[in-house]
Amino acid sequence: MPFRIVSIMLPALEQFYDGQEEPNQSCLLALRSLILQQDEAVNETQKWGMPCFCYRKKMFCFLWVDKDTLAPYLLLVEGNYLDHPQLERGKRSRMKIFRVDPSEDLPVAMLSVLLTAALDLYRNGIINVN
């Protein structure tokens, strides 16, 4: 029998997701699920009002909604180590974002590659988790 990842959501996080309108809500919940499936050492918390995902207690990525476009995006904390044409640096020196169109299917394969590459920074010691 296949196993299921069960995660208990903090009340503040529940409010964040519940407060999103469709299609953003479904998109953000799908992104959440994809992130949590990447590694059993990934857990979810909330920082600065947004869902924050940590790898062994080290901030790894965030989910947020762009205030201008109202579209969700994935923010990779150590994005400056990653080179991908769809990652945007903007005015950030350390982080990069991946914009998501909530009205289209998630590019799951591409997101999995990005998340794996980002997590490998921590797993391989490039980013110290101690």
Protein backbone atom coordinates (compact mmCIF):
# COMPACT_ATOMS: atom_id res chain seq x y z
CA MET A 1 0.00 0.00 0.00
CA PRO A 2 1.48 3.41 -0.94
CA PHE A 3 2.13 5.84 1.89
CA ARG A 4 0.49 9.23 2.18
CA ILE A 5 2.12 12.37 3.42
CA VAL A 6 -0.03 13.81 6.13
CA SER A 7 0.75 17.24 7.42
CA ILE A 8 -1.02 19.21 10.05
CA MET A 9 -1.44 22.82 9.09
CA LEU A 10 -0.92 25.59 11.63
CA PRO A 11 -4.06 27.73 12.13
CA ALA A 12 -2.34 30.87 10.78
CA LEU A 13 -1.30 28.96 7.65
CA GLU A 14 -4.80 27.62 7.24
CA GLN A 15 -6.05 31.20 7.32
CA PHE A 16 -3.48 32.18 4.69
CA TYR A 17 -4.57 29.46 2.27
CA ASP A 18 -8.28 29.84 3.06
CA GLY A 19 -8.00 33.58 2.46
CA GLN A 20 -6.84 33.11 -1.13
CA GLU A 21 -9.35 33.28 -3.95
CA GLU A 22 -9.51 30.67 -6.66
CA PRO A 23 -7.59 29.76 -8.72
CA ASN A 24 -4.75 30.97 -6.44
CA GLN A 25 -5.90 28.90 -3.49
CA SER A 26 -5.79 25.60 -5.39
CA CYS A 27 -2.49 26.56 -7.02
CA LEU A 28 -0.85 27.42 -3.68
CA LEU A 29 -2.14 24.23 -2.05
CA ALA A 30 -0.80 22.17 -4.97
CA LEU A 31 2.59 23.91 -4.65
CA ARG A 32 2.52 23.24 -0.90
CA SER A 33 1.89 19.56 -1.48
CA LEU A 34 4.66 19.34 -4.09
CA ILE A 35 7.17 21.03 -1.76
CA LEU A 36 6.31 18.81 1.21
CA GLN A 37 6.72 15.68 -0.94
CA GLN A 38 10.33 16.54 -1.84
CA ASP A 39 11.98 15.34 1.36
CA GLU A 40 10.82 14.14 4.77
CA ALA A 41 13.11 16.74 6.37
CA VAL A 42 11.06 19.58 4.82
CA ASN A 43 8.51 21.15 7.13
CA GLU A 44 6.17 24.12 6.89
CA THR A 45 5.96 27.11 9.17
CA GLN A 46 5.01 30.74 8.79
CA LYS A 47 7.38 33.69 8.58
CA TRP A 48 6.45 37.27 7.80
CA GLY A 49 2.85 36.20 7.18
CA MET A 50 3.68 33.75 4.43
CA PRO A 51 4.12 29.98 4.23
CA CYS A 52 7.78 29.16 4.77
CA PHE A 53 9.30 25.76 4.11
CA CYS A 54 12.43 24.73 5.97
CA TYR A 55 14.91 21.96 5.43
CA ARG A 56 16.28 20.82 8.79
CA LYS A 57 15.18 24.13 10.36
CA LYS A 58 16.89 26.22 7.64
CA MET A 59 14.62 28.42 5.47
CA PHE A 60 14.46 26.90 2.01
CA CYS A 61 11.51 28.44 0.15
CA PHE A 62 8.35 30.51 0.53
CA LEU A 63 5.01 30.78 -1.21
CA TRP A 64 3.55 34.19 -1.84
CA VAL A 65 1.26 36.18 -4.11
CA ASP A 66 2.63 39.12 -6.11
CA LYS A 67 0.97 42.32 -4.90
CA ASP A 68 0.81 43.80 -8.41
CA THR A 69 -0.18 40.83 -10.57
CA LEU A 70 -1.96 38.88 -7.79
CA ALA A 71 -0.32 35.71 -9.18
CA PRO A 72 1.38 33.18 -6.88
CA TYR A 73 5.07 32.51 -6.93
CA LEU A 74 7.65 30.25 -5.35
CA LEU A 75 10.56 32.08 -3.72
CA LEU A 76 13.77 30.09 -3.37
CA VAL A 77 15.86 31.45 -0.50
CA GLU A 78 19.24 30.47 -1.99
CA GLY A 79 18.17 31.13 -5.56
CA ASN A 80 21.41 32.94 -6.36
CA TYR A 81 23.05 29.48 -6.54
CA LEU A 82 20.54 28.31 -9.16
CA ASP A 83 20.65 29.04 -12.86
CA HIS A 84 17.34 28.55 -14.63
CA PRO A 85 15.81 30.79 -17.32
CA GLN A 86 12.46 31.07 -15.52
CA LEU A 87 13.93 32.12 -12.18
CA GLU A 88 13.83 35.87 -11.64
CA ARG A 89 16.25 37.73 -9.39
CA GLY A 90 14.60 41.14 -9.57
CA LYS A 91 16.19 43.44 -6.97
CA ARG A 92 17.03 40.53 -4.68
CA SER A 93 20.66 39.65 -4.02
CA ARG A 94 20.12 36.19 -2.55
CA MET A 95 16.67 34.94 -3.55
CA LYS A 96 14.99 34.18 -6.85
CA ILE A 97 11.35 33.60 -7.68
CA PHE A 98 9.47 31.30 -10.01
CA ARG A 99 6.15 32.78 -11.14
CA VAL A 100 3.19 30.47 -11.54
CA ASP A 101 0.11 31.01 -13.69
CA PRO A 102 -2.73 29.74 -11.48
CA SER A 103 -5.06 29.28 -14.44
CA GLU A 104 -2.75 26.71 -16.06
CA ASP A 105 -1.53 23.29 -14.99
CA LEU A 106 1.50 23.44 -12.74
CA PRO A 107 4.75 22.57 -14.52
CA VAL A 108 5.31 19.77 -12.01
CA ALA A 109 8.38 18.26 -13.67
CA MET A 110 10.14 21.63 -13.90
CA LEU A 111 9.17 22.55 -10.33
CA SER A 112 10.45 19.19 -9.08
CA VAL A 113 13.79 19.80 -10.82
CA LEU A 114 14.05 23.29 -9.28
CA LEU A 115 13.07 22.09 -5.81
CA THR A 116 15.52 19.17 -6.00
CA ALA A 117 18.32 21.50 -7.09
CA ALA A 118 17.50 23.92 -4.28
CA LEU A 119 17.33 21.15 -1.67
CA ASP A 120 20.60 19.66 -2.94
CA LEU A 121 22.30 22.89 -1.88
CA TYR A 122 21.40 21.97 1.70
CA ARG A 123 21.79 18.20 1.40
CA ASN A 124 25.27 18.52 -0.17
CA GLY A 125 26.54 21.05 2.36
CA ILE A 126 26.75 24.06 0.05
CA ILE A 127 24.35 25.73 2.48
CA ASN A 128 25.19 24.80 6.06
CA VAL A 129 22.24 23.33 7.96
CA ASN A 130 24.01 23.00 11.32
